[in-house]
Amino acid sequence: MFEVETDAPVYLAAGTLSVQTALTQSGYAVPLSALQDGVRGLWTVLLLEPETDGFASARAAAVEVLQIEGDTAYVRGTLTGDALIVPHGTHRLVPGDRVQLAEADKWKP
């Protein structure tokens, strides 16, 4: 419930109330296409961990979706600042797969 503080006459009518809030939290922006179903209300993203031979291993990281704007999700979880996130085609990988990296800097959180 809310109260309108005004000296002007208030007429009874239906309307729309929009509330915008700002939260200060640390997290990462990831494309919606990077999110996969997780457990217990969490989501996962696939990360690529570089190896010494020019390849990388895929592994899952649990994340909590904080907000969605357009095709971007703002998440927090078990990510680090230098993580390489798989932005698209996550249906083609499973944790443990090895891939060769190309244009890896595009979706760093």
C-alpha atoms as a PDB file:
ATOM      1  CA  MET A   1       0.000   0.000   0.000  1.00  0.00           C
ATOM      2  CA  PHE A   2       1.176   3.531  -0.671  1.00  0.00           C
ATOM      3  CA  GLU A   3      -0.043   7.047  -0.040  1.00  0.00           C
ATOM      4  CA  VAL A   4       0.026   9.922  -2.529  1.00  0.00           C
ATOM      5  CA  GLU A   5       1.408  13.057  -0.937  1.00  0.00           C
ATOM      6  CA  THR A   6      -0.051  16.022  -2.807  1.00  0.00           C
ATOM      7  CA  ASP A   7      -2.182  19.117  -2.234  1.00  0.00           C
ATOM      8  CA  ALA A   8      -3.868  18.675  -5.613  1.00  0.00           C
ATOM      9  CA  PRO A   9      -7.223  16.914  -5.715  1.00  0.00           C
ATOM     10  CA  VAL A  10      -6.830  13.173  -6.188  1.00  0.00           C
ATOM     11  CA  TYR A  11      -9.388  11.456  -8.364  1.00  0.00           C
ATOM     12  CA  LEU A  12     -10.186   7.792  -8.036  1.00  0.00           C
ATOM     13  CA  ALA A  13      -9.022   6.067 -11.185  1.00  0.00           C
ATOM     14  CA  ALA A  14      -7.078   3.024 -12.230  1.00  0.00           C
ATOM     15  CA  GLY A  15      -3.504   3.504 -13.272  1.00  0.00           C
ATOM     16  CA  THR A  16      -0.085   1.967 -13.430  1.00  0.00           C
ATOM     17  CA  LEU A  17       2.606   2.443 -10.847  1.00  0.00           C
ATOM     18  CA  SER A  18       6.198   1.844 -11.929  1.00  0.00           C
ATOM     19  CA  VAL A  19       8.852   1.495  -9.267  1.00  0.00           C
ATOM     20  CA  GLN A  20      12.531   1.509 -10.078  1.00  0.00           C
ATOM     21  CA  THR A  21      15.106   0.496  -7.544  1.00  0.00           C
ATOM     22  CA  ALA A  22      18.872   0.392  -7.632  1.00  0.00           C
ATOM     23  CA  LEU A  23      20.896  -2.256  -5.842  1.00  0.00           C
ATOM     24  CA  THR A  24      24.603  -2.147  -5.251  1.00  0.00           C
ATOM     25  CA  GLN A  25      25.901  -5.686  -5.643  1.00  0.00           C
ATOM     26  CA  SER A  26      28.892  -7.264  -7.235  1.00  0.00           C
ATOM     27  CA  GLY A  27      28.297  -9.655 -10.071  1.00  0.00           C
ATOM     28  CA  TYR A  28      28.751 -10.298 -13.764  1.00  0.00           C
ATOM     29  CA  ALA A  29      26.852  -9.618 -16.972  1.00  0.00           C
ATOM     30  CA  VAL A  30      26.372 -12.720 -19.128  1.00  0.00           C
ATOM     31  CA  PRO A  31      24.244 -13.319 -22.227  1.00  0.00           C
ATOM     32  CA  LEU A  32      20.944 -15.105 -21.532  1.00  0.00           C
ATOM     33  CA  SER A  33      22.015 -17.810 -23.961  1.00  0.00           C
ATOM     34  CA  ALA A  34      24.847 -18.755 -21.553  1.00  0.00           C
ATOM     35  CA  LEU A  35      22.446 -19.766 -18.765  1.00  0.00           C
ATOM     36  CA  GLN A  36      21.548 -23.416 -18.198  1.00  0.00           C
ATOM     37  CA  ASP A  37      19.120 -24.958 -15.696  1.00  0.00           C
ATOM     38  CA  GLY A  38      20.711 -25.702 -12.347  1.00  0.00           C
ATOM     39  CA  VAL A  39      19.420 -27.134  -9.087  1.00  0.00           C
ATOM     40  CA  ARG A  40      17.546 -25.548  -6.169  1.00  0.00           C
ATOM     41  CA  GLY A  41      16.630 -22.360  -8.014  1.00  0.00           C
ATOM     42  CA  LEU A  42      20.147 -21.700  -9.256  1.00  0.00           C
ATOM     43  CA  TRP A  43      21.405 -21.581 -12.811  1.00  0.00           C
ATOM     44  CA  THR A  44      24.734 -22.608 -14.265  1.00  0.00           C
ATOM     45  CA  VAL A  45      27.076 -21.238 -16.883  1.00  0.00           C
ATOM     46  CA  LEU A  46      29.805 -23.175 -18.640  1.00  0.00           C
ATOM     47  CA  LEU A  47      33.311 -21.889 -18.036  1.00  0.00           C
ATOM     48  CA  LEU A  48      36.429 -22.697 -19.997  1.00  0.00           C
ATOM     49  CA  GLU A  49      39.599 -23.221 -17.985  1.00  0.00           C
ATOM     50  CA  PRO A  50      42.693 -22.737 -20.184  1.00  0.00           C
ATOM     51  CA  GLU A  51      45.280 -25.498 -20.170  1.00  0.00           C
ATOM     52  CA  THR A  52      48.944 -25.286 -21.141  1.00  0.00           C
ATOM     53  CA  ASP A  53      48.498 -26.967 -24.536  1.00  0.00           C
ATOM     54  CA  GLY A  54      46.272 -24.255 -26.096  1.00  0.00           C
ATOM     55  CA  PHE A  55      43.064 -26.067 -25.228  1.00  0.00           C
ATOM     56  CA  ALA A  56      40.562 -25.441 -22.423  1.00  0.00           C
ATOM     57  CA  SER A  57      38.359 -27.690 -20.292  1.00  0.00           C
ATOM     58  CA  ALA A  58      34.669 -26.953 -19.791  1.00  0.00           C
ATOM     59  CA  ARG A  59      33.233 -26.894 -16.286  1.00  0.00           C
ATOM     60  CA  ALA A  60      29.927 -25.750 -14.801  1.00  0.00           C
ATOM     61  CA  ALA A  61      29.679 -22.831 -12.360  1.00  0.00           C
ATOM     62  CA  ALA A  62      26.558 -22.182 -10.270  1.00  0.00           C
ATOM     63  CA  VAL A  63      25.099 -18.668 -10.513  1.00  0.00           C
ATOM     64  CA  GLU A  64      22.129 -16.770  -9.127  1.00  0.00           C
ATOM     65  CA  VAL A  65      20.295 -14.469 -11.536  1.00  0.00           C
ATOM     66  CA  LEU A  66      19.988 -11.010  -9.978  1.00  0.00           C
ATOM     67  CA  GLN A  67      18.358  -9.169 -12.868  1.00  0.00           C
ATOM     68  CA  ILE A  68      17.572  -9.558 -16.558  1.00  0.00           C
ATOM     69  CA  GLU A  69      17.666  -6.692 -19.047  1.00  0.00           C
ATOM     70  CA  GLY A  70      17.020  -7.537 -22.673  1.00  0.00           C
ATOM     71  CA  ASP A  71      19.303 -10.407 -23.656  1.00  0.00           C
ATOM     72  CA  THR A  72      21.692  -9.892 -20.708  1.00  0.00           C
ATOM     73  CA  ALA A  73      21.492 -11.482 -17.265  1.00  0.00           C
ATOM     74  CA  TYR A  74      23.267 -10.035 -14.247  1.00  0.00           C
ATOM     75  CA  VAL A  75      24.468 -12.895 -12.059  1.00  0.00           C
ATOM     76  CA  ARG A  76      26.591 -13.684  -9.045  1.00  0.00           C
ATOM     77  CA  GLY A  77      28.038 -16.956  -7.930  1.00  0.00           C
ATOM     78  CA  THR A  78      31.135 -19.074  -8.211  1.00  0.00           C
ATOM     79  CA  LEU A  79      32.687 -16.991 -11.006  1.00  0.00           C
ATOM     80  CA  THR A  80      35.971 -15.125 -10.922  1.00  0.00           C
ATOM     81  CA  GLY A  81      36.927 -11.991 -12.826  1.00  0.00           C
ATOM     82  CA  ASP A  82      39.106 -13.855 -15.323  1.00  0.00           C
ATOM     83  CA  ALA A  83      36.605 -16.636 -16.110  1.00  0.00           C
ATOM     84  CA  LEU A  84      35.924 -17.445 -19.756  1.00  0.00           C
ATOM     85  CA  ILE A  85      32.177 -17.961 -20.178  1.00  0.00           C
ATOM     86  CA  VAL A  86      30.699 -19.970 -23.057  1.00  0.00           C
ATOM     87  CA  PRO A  87      28.177 -17.425 -24.414  1.00  0.00           C
ATOM     88  CA  HIS A  88      26.360 -19.556 -27.037  1.00  0.00           C
ATOM     89  CA  GLY A  89      26.019 -23.188 -28.023  1.00  0.00           C
ATOM     90  CA  THR A  90      26.109 -24.540 -24.488  1.00  0.00           C
ATOM     91  CA  HIS A  91      23.973 -27.479 -25.643  1.00  0.00           C
ATOM     92  CA  ARG A  92      27.037 -28.741 -27.549  1.00  0.00           C
ATOM     93  CA  LEU A  93      29.307 -29.007 -24.490  1.00  0.00           C
ATOM     94  CA  VAL A  94      29.303 -30.880 -21.218  1.00  0.00           C
ATOM     95  CA  PRO A  95      31.611 -30.376 -18.254  1.00  0.00           C
ATOM     96  CA  GLY A  96      34.919 -32.106 -18.964  1.00  0.00           C
ATOM     97  CA  ASP A  97      34.921 -31.462 -22.726  1.00  0.00           C
ATOM     98  CA  ARG A  98      38.110 -29.990 -24.156  1.00  0.00           C
ATOM     99  CA  VAL A  99      37.948 -27.214 -26.754  1.00  0.00           C
ATOM    100  CA  GLN A 100      40.374 -25.014 -28.632  1.00  0.00           C
ATOM    101  CA  LEU A 101      39.936 -21.312 -27.786  1.00  0.00           C
ATOM    102  CA  ALA A 102      39.116 -18.659 -30.416  1.00  0.00           C
ATOM    103  CA  GLU A 103      38.170 -15.012 -29.650  1.00  0.00           C
ATOM    104  CA  ALA A 104      38.073 -15.796 -25.932  1.00  0.00           C
ATOM    105  CA  ASP A 105      38.122 -12.185 -24.702  1.00  0.00           C
ATOM    106  CA  LYS A 106      34.656 -11.316 -26.028  1.00  0.00           C
ATOM    107  CA  TRP A 107      32.652 -12.608 -23.041  1.00  0.00           C
ATOM    108  CA  LYS A 108      34.984 -12.196 -20.110  1.00  0.00           C
ATOM    109  CA  PRO A 109      32.937 -11.047 -17.076  1.00  0.00           C
END
